[in-house]
Amino acid sequence: MLELGVKTLLAYLLGSLLGSLVLGRLRGIDIRRLGSGNAGATNALRTQGKLFALSVLLIDAGKGVIAVRYLPQAALPGVAIDPDLARAWLAVACGLAVIVGHVYPVWFAFRGGKGVATMIGVVGAIEPRLLAPVLGCWLLVLVLSGYVGLASMCAGAALVAVVYVLEPGNAPLLTFCAAIELFVIFTHRANIARMRAGEEHRVHRLWLFRSRPV
């Protein structure tokens, strides 16, 4: 239990290091005061441009990879490896913790991002073959609807479906994916309300590939 507690706590603290807020401080801005007010890569792209957003994306996805690929196997001073703790369950626990840390970062007054980039990093580290259908679903919904939030929620649902089909007996991974989809829906509840009211920001003509207005 000690190993589980310490490593999930470390994963949470790692998740609390948000790329947009760390880089924003170096630039002298708080991205939560700009654009949509979200501390994720999408708002970083809208307000700060492609290079800044790419850096944010790499940091936020990278910490997800570290949390599930390296932390469960790490030998920590004073923390013995628990032989009764399955590495698969420890990995998904660290994966959940790093995502929660991104959304509710202790270093930044518990106001973080939506956790999608970190989720992608976690999924890619646990099972890389899941990335293609998840990213494909995200892009398809984004192109058809123009809603980034809807695309993220649908990608989470696709993740659960793909895992259920490909690895129905993988209880740790299936549990993780179901929990993450519920969490993504929860973090996008304001987006859902805006979509229902017709007030949600929409992507037009793939602004992803356009230069930011000056």
C-alpha atoms as a PDB file:
ATOM      1  CA  MET A   1       0.000   0.000   0.000  1.00  0.00           C
ATOM      2  CA  LEU A   2       2.915   2.337   0.673  1.00  0.00           C
ATOM      3  CA  GLU A   3       4.191   1.998  -2.875  1.00  0.00           C
ATOM      4  CA  LEU A   4       0.724   2.596  -4.310  1.00  0.00           C
ATOM      5  CA  GLY A   5       0.173   5.695  -2.181  1.00  0.00           C
ATOM      6  CA  VAL A   6       3.591   7.248  -2.787  1.00  0.00           C
ATOM      7  CA  LYS A   7       3.667   6.652  -6.535  1.00  0.00           C
ATOM      8  CA  THR A   8       0.106   7.853  -7.182  1.00  0.00           C
ATOM      9  CA  LEU A   9       0.906  10.978  -5.152  1.00  0.00           C
ATOM     10  CA  LEU A  10       4.049  11.554  -7.231  1.00  0.00           C
ATOM     11  CA  ALA A  11       2.032  11.048 -10.411  1.00  0.00           C
ATOM     12  CA  TYR A  12      -0.505  13.628  -9.222  1.00  0.00           C
ATOM     13  CA  LEU A  13       2.253  16.146  -8.436  1.00  0.00           C
ATOM     14  CA  LEU A  14       3.801  15.514 -11.845  1.00  0.00           C
ATOM     15  CA  GLY A  15       0.420  16.101 -13.478  1.00  0.00           C
ATOM     16  CA  SER A  16       0.157  19.415 -11.647  1.00  0.00           C
ATOM     17  CA  LEU A  17       3.026  20.794 -13.729  1.00  0.00           C
ATOM     18  CA  LEU A  18       0.982  22.200 -16.628  1.00  0.00           C
ATOM     19  CA  GLY A  19       2.889  23.070 -19.770  1.00  0.00           C
ATOM     20  CA  SER A  20       0.820  26.155 -20.550  1.00  0.00           C
ATOM     21  CA  LEU A  21       1.181  27.613 -17.061  1.00  0.00           C
ATOM     22  CA  VAL A  22       4.884  26.858 -16.673  1.00  0.00           C
ATOM     23  CA  LEU A  23       5.720  28.259 -20.120  1.00  0.00           C
ATOM     24  CA  GLY A  24       3.261  31.088 -19.585  1.00  0.00           C
ATOM     25  CA  ARG A  25       5.095  32.205 -16.470  1.00  0.00           C
ATOM     26  CA  LEU A  26       8.338  32.272 -18.435  1.00  0.00           C
ATOM     27  CA  ARG A  27       6.555  34.482 -20.971  1.00  0.00           C
ATOM     28  CA  GLY A  28       4.950  36.634 -18.272  1.00  0.00           C
ATOM     29  CA  ILE A  29       1.342  35.617 -18.935  1.00  0.00           C
ATOM     30  CA  ASP A  30      -1.362  33.541 -17.285  1.00  0.00           C
ATOM     31  CA  ILE A  31      -3.166  31.732 -20.095  1.00  0.00           C
ATOM     32  CA  ARG A  32      -6.189  31.244 -17.839  1.00  0.00           C
ATOM     33  CA  ARG A  33      -6.841  34.974 -18.241  1.00  0.00           C
ATOM     34  CA  LEU A  34      -6.831  34.733 -22.045  1.00  0.00           C
ATOM     35  CA  GLY A  35      -9.180  33.268 -24.635  1.00  0.00           C
ATOM     36  CA  SER A  36     -11.451  30.585 -23.203  1.00  0.00           C
ATOM     37  CA  GLY A  37      -9.617  30.665 -19.878  1.00  0.00           C
ATOM     38  CA  ASN A  38      -8.600  27.012 -20.199  1.00  0.00           C
ATOM     39  CA  ALA A  39      -5.016  26.014 -19.429  1.00  0.00           C
ATOM     40  CA  GLY A  40      -4.721  23.466 -22.232  1.00  0.00           C
ATOM     41  CA  ALA A  41      -3.118  23.222 -25.652  1.00  0.00           C
ATOM     42  CA  THR A  42      -6.243  24.341 -27.549  1.00  0.00           C
ATOM     43  CA  ASN A  43      -6.436  27.695 -25.795  1.00  0.00           C
ATOM     44  CA  ALA A  44      -2.648  27.988 -26.074  1.00  0.00           C
ATOM     45  CA  LEU A  45      -2.960  27.610 -29.845  1.00  0.00           C
ATOM     46  CA  ARG A  46      -5.733  30.177 -30.100  1.00  0.00           C
ATOM     47  CA  THR A  47      -3.955  32.782 -28.012  1.00  0.00           C
ATOM     48  CA  GLN A  48      -0.201  32.135 -28.285  1.00  0.00           C
ATOM     49  CA  GLY A  49       0.389  30.421 -31.608  1.00  0.00           C
ATOM     50  CA  LYS A  50       1.557  27.067 -32.925  1.00  0.00           C
ATOM     51  CA  LEU A  51       5.028  26.761 -31.387  1.00  0.00           C
ATOM     52  CA  PHE A  52       3.806  27.598 -27.899  1.00  0.00           C
ATOM     53  CA  ALA A  53       0.875  25.192 -28.278  1.00  0.00           C
ATOM     54  CA  LEU A  54       3.116  22.393 -29.567  1.00  0.00           C
ATOM     55  CA  SER A  55       5.431  22.845 -26.587  1.00  0.00           C
ATOM     56  CA  VAL A  56       2.445  22.694 -24.234  1.00  0.00           C
ATOM     57  CA  LEU A  57       1.168  19.560 -25.951  1.00  0.00           C
ATOM     58  CA  LEU A  58       4.533  17.803 -25.690  1.00  0.00           C
ATOM     59  CA  ILE A  59       4.890  18.632 -21.990  1.00  0.00           C
ATOM     60  CA  ASP A  60       1.345  17.614 -21.089  1.00  0.00           C
ATOM     61  CA  ALA A  61       1.464  14.359 -23.072  1.00  0.00           C
ATOM     62  CA  GLY A  62       5.020  13.631 -21.952  1.00  0.00           C
ATOM     63  CA  LYS A  63       4.184  13.680 -18.264  1.00  0.00           C
ATOM     64  CA  GLY A  64       1.472  11.095 -18.962  1.00  0.00           C
ATOM     65  CA  VAL A  65       4.094   8.839 -20.550  1.00  0.00           C
ATOM     66  CA  ILE A  66       6.468   9.264 -17.602  1.00  0.00           C
ATOM     67  CA  ALA A  67       3.715   8.538 -15.064  1.00  0.00           C
ATOM     68  CA  VAL A  68       2.765   5.141 -16.507  1.00  0.00           C
ATOM     69  CA  ARG A  69       5.901   3.985 -18.296  1.00  0.00           C
ATOM     70  CA  TYR A  70       8.597   4.806 -15.730  1.00  0.00           C
ATOM     71  CA  LEU A  71       7.072   5.636 -12.349  1.00  0.00           C
ATOM     72  CA  PRO A  72       5.496   2.193 -11.625  1.00  0.00           C
ATOM     73  CA  GLN A  73       8.873   0.505 -12.202  1.00  0.00           C
ATOM     74  CA  ALA A  74      10.944   3.122 -10.371  1.00  0.00           C
ATOM     75  CA  ALA A  75      12.906   2.139  -7.268  1.00  0.00           C
ATOM     76  CA  LEU A  76      12.313   4.943  -4.773  1.00  0.00           C
ATOM     77  CA  PRO A  77      14.372   5.490  -1.614  1.00  0.00           C
ATOM     78  CA  GLY A  78      12.529   4.136   1.402  1.00  0.00           C
ATOM     79  CA  VAL A  79       9.706   2.645  -0.702  1.00  0.00           C
ATOM     80  CA  ALA A  80       9.935  -1.093  -1.253  1.00  0.00           C
ATOM     81  CA  ILE A  81       8.450  -2.720  -4.346  1.00  0.00           C
ATOM     82  CA  ASP A  82       5.187  -4.374  -3.263  1.00  0.00           C
ATOM     83  CA  PRO A  83       5.143  -7.922  -4.683  1.00  0.00           C
ATOM     84  CA  ASP A  84       1.369  -8.152  -4.196  1.00  0.00           C
ATOM     85  CA  LEU A  85       0.682  -5.020  -6.229  1.00  0.00           C
ATOM     86  CA  ALA A  86       0.154  -5.799  -9.915  1.00  0.00           C
ATOM     87  CA  ARG A  87       2.164  -3.462 -12.133  1.00  0.00           C
ATOM     88  CA  ALA A  88      -0.797  -3.104 -14.528  1.00  0.00           C
ATOM     89  CA  TRP A  89      -3.060  -1.772 -11.781  1.00  0.00           C
ATOM     90  CA  LEU A  90      -0.302   0.509 -10.467  1.00  0.00           C
ATOM     91  CA  ALA A  91       0.224   1.899 -13.975  1.00  0.00           C
ATOM     92  CA  VAL A  92      -3.452   2.776 -14.431  1.00  0.00           C
ATOM     93  CA  ALA A  93      -3.574   4.271 -10.924  1.00  0.00           C
ATOM     94  CA  CYS A  94      -0.624   6.506 -11.813  1.00  0.00           C
ATOM     95  CA  GLY A  95      -2.301   7.293 -15.136  1.00  0.00           C
ATOM     96  CA  LEU A  96      -5.483   8.442 -13.418  1.00  0.00           C
ATOM     97  CA  ALA A  97      -3.499  10.435 -10.870  1.00  0.00           C
ATOM     98  CA  VAL A  98      -1.441  12.322 -13.452  1.00  0.00           C
ATOM     99  CA  ILE A  99      -4.612  13.299 -15.341  1.00  0.00           C
ATOM    100  CA  VAL A 100      -6.359  14.456 -12.154  1.00  0.00           C
ATOM    101  CA  GLY A 101      -3.235  16.460 -11.321  1.00  0.00           C
ATOM    102  CA  HIS A 102      -3.434  18.179 -14.709  1.00  0.00           C
ATOM    103  CA  VAL A 103      -7.083  19.147 -14.194  1.00  0.00           C
ATOM    104  CA  TYR A 104      -6.707  20.111 -10.520  1.00  0.00           C
ATOM    105  CA  PRO A 105      -3.056  21.192 -10.120  1.00  0.00           C
ATOM    106  CA  VAL A 106      -1.958  21.859  -6.565  1.00  0.00           C
ATOM    107  CA  TRP A 107       0.799  24.203  -7.824  1.00  0.00           C
ATOM    108  CA  PHE A 108      -1.724  26.441  -9.633  1.00  0.00           C
ATOM    109  CA  ALA A 109      -4.654  26.809  -7.208  1.00  0.00           C
ATOM    110  CA  PHE A 110      -6.390  23.681  -8.576  1.00  0.00           C
ATOM    111  CA  ARG A 111      -7.272  25.416 -11.857  1.00  0.00           C
ATOM    112  CA  GLY A 112      -5.874  23.420 -14.737  1.00  0.00           C
ATOM    113  CA  GLY A 113      -6.798  22.096 -18.164  1.00  0.00           C
ATOM    114  CA  LYS A 114      -9.200  19.421 -19.404  1.00  0.00           C
ATOM    115  CA  GLY A 115      -6.654  16.592 -19.314  1.00  0.00           C
ATOM    116  CA  VAL A 116      -7.022  15.396 -22.910  1.00  0.00           C
ATOM    117  CA  ALA A 117      -3.360  15.739 -23.947  1.00  0.00           C
ATOM    118  CA  THR A 118      -2.209  14.000 -20.775  1.00  0.00           C
ATOM    119  CA  MET A 119      -4.778  11.263 -21.379  1.00  0.00           C
ATOM    120  CA  ILE A 120      -3.334  10.728 -24.868  1.00  0.00           C
ATOM    121  CA  GLY A 121       0.151  10.413 -23.370  1.00  0.00           C
ATOM    122  CA  VAL A 122      -1.078   7.881 -20.821  1.00  0.00           C
ATOM    123  CA  VAL A 123      -2.952   5.815 -23.419  1.00  0.00           C
ATOM    124  CA  GLY A 124      -0.001   5.838 -25.798  1.00  0.00           C
ATOM    125  CA  ALA A 125       2.320   4.629 -23.048  1.00  0.00           C
ATOM    126  CA  ILE A 126      -0.010   1.853 -21.884  1.00  0.00           C
ATOM    127  CA  GLU A 127      -1.091   0.575 -25.297  1.00  0.00           C
ATOM    128  CA  PRO A 128       0.211   2.457 -28.383  1.00  0.00           C
ATOM    129  CA  ARG A 129      -2.130   0.706 -30.839  1.00  0.00           C
ATOM    130  CA  LEU A 130      -5.086   2.474 -29.215  1.00  0.00           C
ATOM    131  CA  LEU A 131      -3.835   5.874 -30.354  1.00  0.00           C
ATOM    132  CA  ALA A 132      -4.822   5.536 -34.015  1.00  0.00           C
ATOM    133  CA  PRO A 133      -8.569   4.903 -33.485  1.00  0.00           C
ATOM    134  CA  VAL A 134      -8.785   7.468 -30.687  1.00  0.00           C
ATOM    135  CA  LEU A 135      -7.053  10.233 -32.651  1.00  0.00           C
ATOM    136  CA  GLY A 136      -8.981   9.256 -35.793  1.00  0.00           C
ATOM    137  CA  CYS A 137     -12.295   9.584 -33.951  1.00  0.00           C
ATOM    138  CA  TRP A 138     -11.218  12.916 -32.454  1.00  0.00           C
ATOM    139  CA  LEU A 139     -10.270  14.355 -35.848  1.00  0.00           C
ATOM    140  CA  LEU A 140     -13.400  13.046 -37.584  1.00  0.00           C
ATOM    141  CA  VAL A 141     -15.761  14.539 -34.997  1.00  0.00           C
ATOM    142  CA  LEU A 142     -13.804  17.796 -34.989  1.00  0.00           C
ATOM    143  CA  VAL A 143     -14.036  18.138 -38.778  1.00  0.00           C
ATOM    144  CA  LEU A 144     -17.737  17.236 -38.869  1.00  0.00           C
ATOM    145  CA  SER A 145     -18.892  19.270 -35.860  1.00  0.00           C
ATOM    146  CA  GLY A 146     -16.248  21.923 -35.270  1.00  0.00           C
ATOM    147  CA  TYR A 147     -16.405  21.300 -31.507  1.00  0.00           C
ATOM    148  CA  VAL A 148     -13.113  20.413 -29.806  1.00  0.00           C
ATOM    149  CA  GLY A 149     -14.876  19.424 -26.587  1.00  0.00           C
ATOM    150  CA  LEU A 150     -17.301  17.096 -28.376  1.00  0.00           C
ATOM    151  CA  ALA A 151     -14.409  15.536 -30.278  1.00  0.00           C
ATOM    152  CA  SER A 152     -12.593  14.878 -26.998  1.00  0.00           C
ATOM    153  CA  MET A 153     -15.616  13.225 -25.392  1.00  0.00           C
ATOM    154  CA  CYS A 154     -16.268  11.068 -28.457  1.00  0.00           C
ATOM    155  CA  ALA A 155     -12.606  10.052 -28.544  1.00  0.00           C
ATOM    156  CA  GLY A 156     -12.927   8.883 -24.946  1.00  0.00           C
ATOM    157  CA  ALA A 157     -15.994   6.828 -25.847  1.00  0.00           C
ATOM    158  CA  ALA A 158     -14.125   5.341 -28.814  1.00  0.00           C
ATOM    159  CA  LEU A 159     -11.282   4.400 -26.479  1.00  0.00           C
ATOM    160  CA  VAL A 160     -13.633   2.403 -24.244  1.00  0.00           C
ATOM    161  CA  ALA A 161     -15.213   0.677 -27.255  1.00  0.00           C
ATOM    162  CA  VAL A 162     -11.876  -0.244 -28.856  1.00  0.00           C
ATOM    163  CA  VAL A 163     -10.471  -1.661 -25.620  1.00  0.00           C
ATOM    164  CA  TYR A 164     -13.664  -3.652 -25.057  1.00  0.00           C
ATOM    165  CA  VAL A 165     -13.341  -5.179 -28.529  1.00  0.00           C
ATOM    166  CA  LEU A 166      -9.577  -5.724 -28.634  1.00  0.00           C
ATOM    167  CA  GLU A 167      -8.863  -6.594 -24.992  1.00  0.00           C
ATOM    168  CA  PRO A 168     -12.127  -7.488 -23.218  1.00  0.00           C
ATOM    169  CA  GLY A 169     -10.227  -9.418 -20.553  1.00  0.00           C
ATOM    170  CA  ASN A 170      -7.875  -6.565 -19.659  1.00  0.00           C
ATOM    171  CA  ALA A 171      -9.663  -5.364 -16.529  1.00  0.00           C
ATOM    172  CA  PRO A 172      -7.100  -2.671 -15.518  1.00  0.00           C
ATOM    173  CA  LEU A 173      -7.105  -1.041 -18.957  1.00  0.00           C
ATOM    174  CA  LEU A 174     -10.884  -1.253 -19.397  1.00  0.00           C
ATOM    175  CA  THR A 175     -11.457   0.200 -15.926  1.00  0.00           C
ATOM    176  CA  PHE A 176      -9.020   3.009 -16.656  1.00  0.00           C
ATOM    177  CA  CYS A 177     -10.662   3.873 -19.990  1.00  0.00           C
ATOM    178  CA  ALA A 178     -14.179   3.899 -18.536  1.00  0.00           C
ATOM    179  CA  ALA A 179     -13.072   6.088 -15.624  1.00  0.00           C
ATOM    180  CA  ILE A 180     -11.278   8.485 -17.960  1.00  0.00           C
ATOM    181  CA  GLU A 181     -14.287   8.846 -20.253  1.00  0.00           C
ATOM    182  CA  LEU A 182     -16.506   9.745 -17.281  1.00  0.00           C
ATOM    183  CA  PHE A 183     -13.863  12.200 -16.074  1.00  0.00           C
ATOM    184  CA  VAL A 184     -13.525  13.806 -19.527  1.00  0.00           C
ATOM    185  CA  ILE A 185     -17.303  14.274 -19.691  1.00  0.00           C
ATOM    186  CA  PHE A 186     -17.217  15.826 -16.217  1.00  0.00           C
ATOM    187  CA  THR A 187     -14.442  18.252 -17.126  1.00  0.00           C
ATOM    188  CA  HIS A 188     -16.345  19.254 -20.284  1.00  0.00           C
ATOM    189  CA  ARG A 189     -19.667  19.887 -18.537  1.00  0.00           C
ATOM    190  CA  ALA A 190     -19.424  23.627 -19.223  1.00  0.00           C
ATOM    191  CA  ASN A 191     -18.751  22.882 -22.899  1.00  0.00           C
ATOM    192  CA  ILE A 192     -21.827  20.660 -22.995  1.00  0.00           C
ATOM    193  CA  ALA A 193     -23.946  23.471 -21.553  1.00  0.00           C
ATOM    194  CA  ARG A 194     -22.570  25.956 -24.112  1.00  0.00           C
ATOM    195  CA  MET A 195     -23.180  23.534 -26.975  1.00  0.00           C
ATOM    196  CA  ARG A 196     -26.784  23.069 -25.875  1.00  0.00           C
ATOM    197  CA  ALA A 197     -27.178  26.837 -25.721  1.00  0.00           C
ATOM    198  CA  GLY A 198     -25.491  27.333 -29.113  1.00  0.00           C
ATOM    199  CA  GLU A 199     -22.700  29.391 -27.533  1.00  0.00           C
ATOM    200  CA  GLU A 200     -19.727  27.024 -27.821  1.00  0.00           C
ATOM    201  CA  HIS A 201     -16.722  28.165 -29.870  1.00  0.00           C
ATOM    202  CA  ARG A 202     -16.414  26.277 -33.146  1.00  0.00           C
ATOM    203  CA  VAL A 203     -13.379  25.479 -35.237  1.00  0.00           C
ATOM    204  CA  HIS A 204     -13.782  26.977 -38.710  1.00  0.00           C
ATOM    205  CA  ARG A 205     -11.666  25.993 -41.702  1.00  0.00           C
ATOM    206  CA  LEU A 206      -9.194  24.146 -39.540  1.00  0.00           C
ATOM    207  CA  TRP A 207      -7.628  27.192 -37.871  1.00  0.00           C
ATOM    208  CA  LEU A 208      -5.074  24.686 -36.659  1.00  0.00           C
ATOM    209  CA  PHE A 209      -3.185  25.221 -39.903  1.00  0.00           C
ATOM    210  CA  ARG A 210      -3.597  28.966 -40.166  1.00  0.00           C
ATOM    211  CA  SER A 211      -1.342  31.676 -38.829  1.00  0.00           C
ATOM    212  CA  ARG A 212      -2.521  33.411 -35.685  1.00  0.00           C
ATOM    213  CA  PRO A 213      -3.915  36.911 -36.313  1.00  0.00           C
ATOM    214  CA  VAL A 214      -1.668  39.722 -35.141  1.00  0.00           C
END
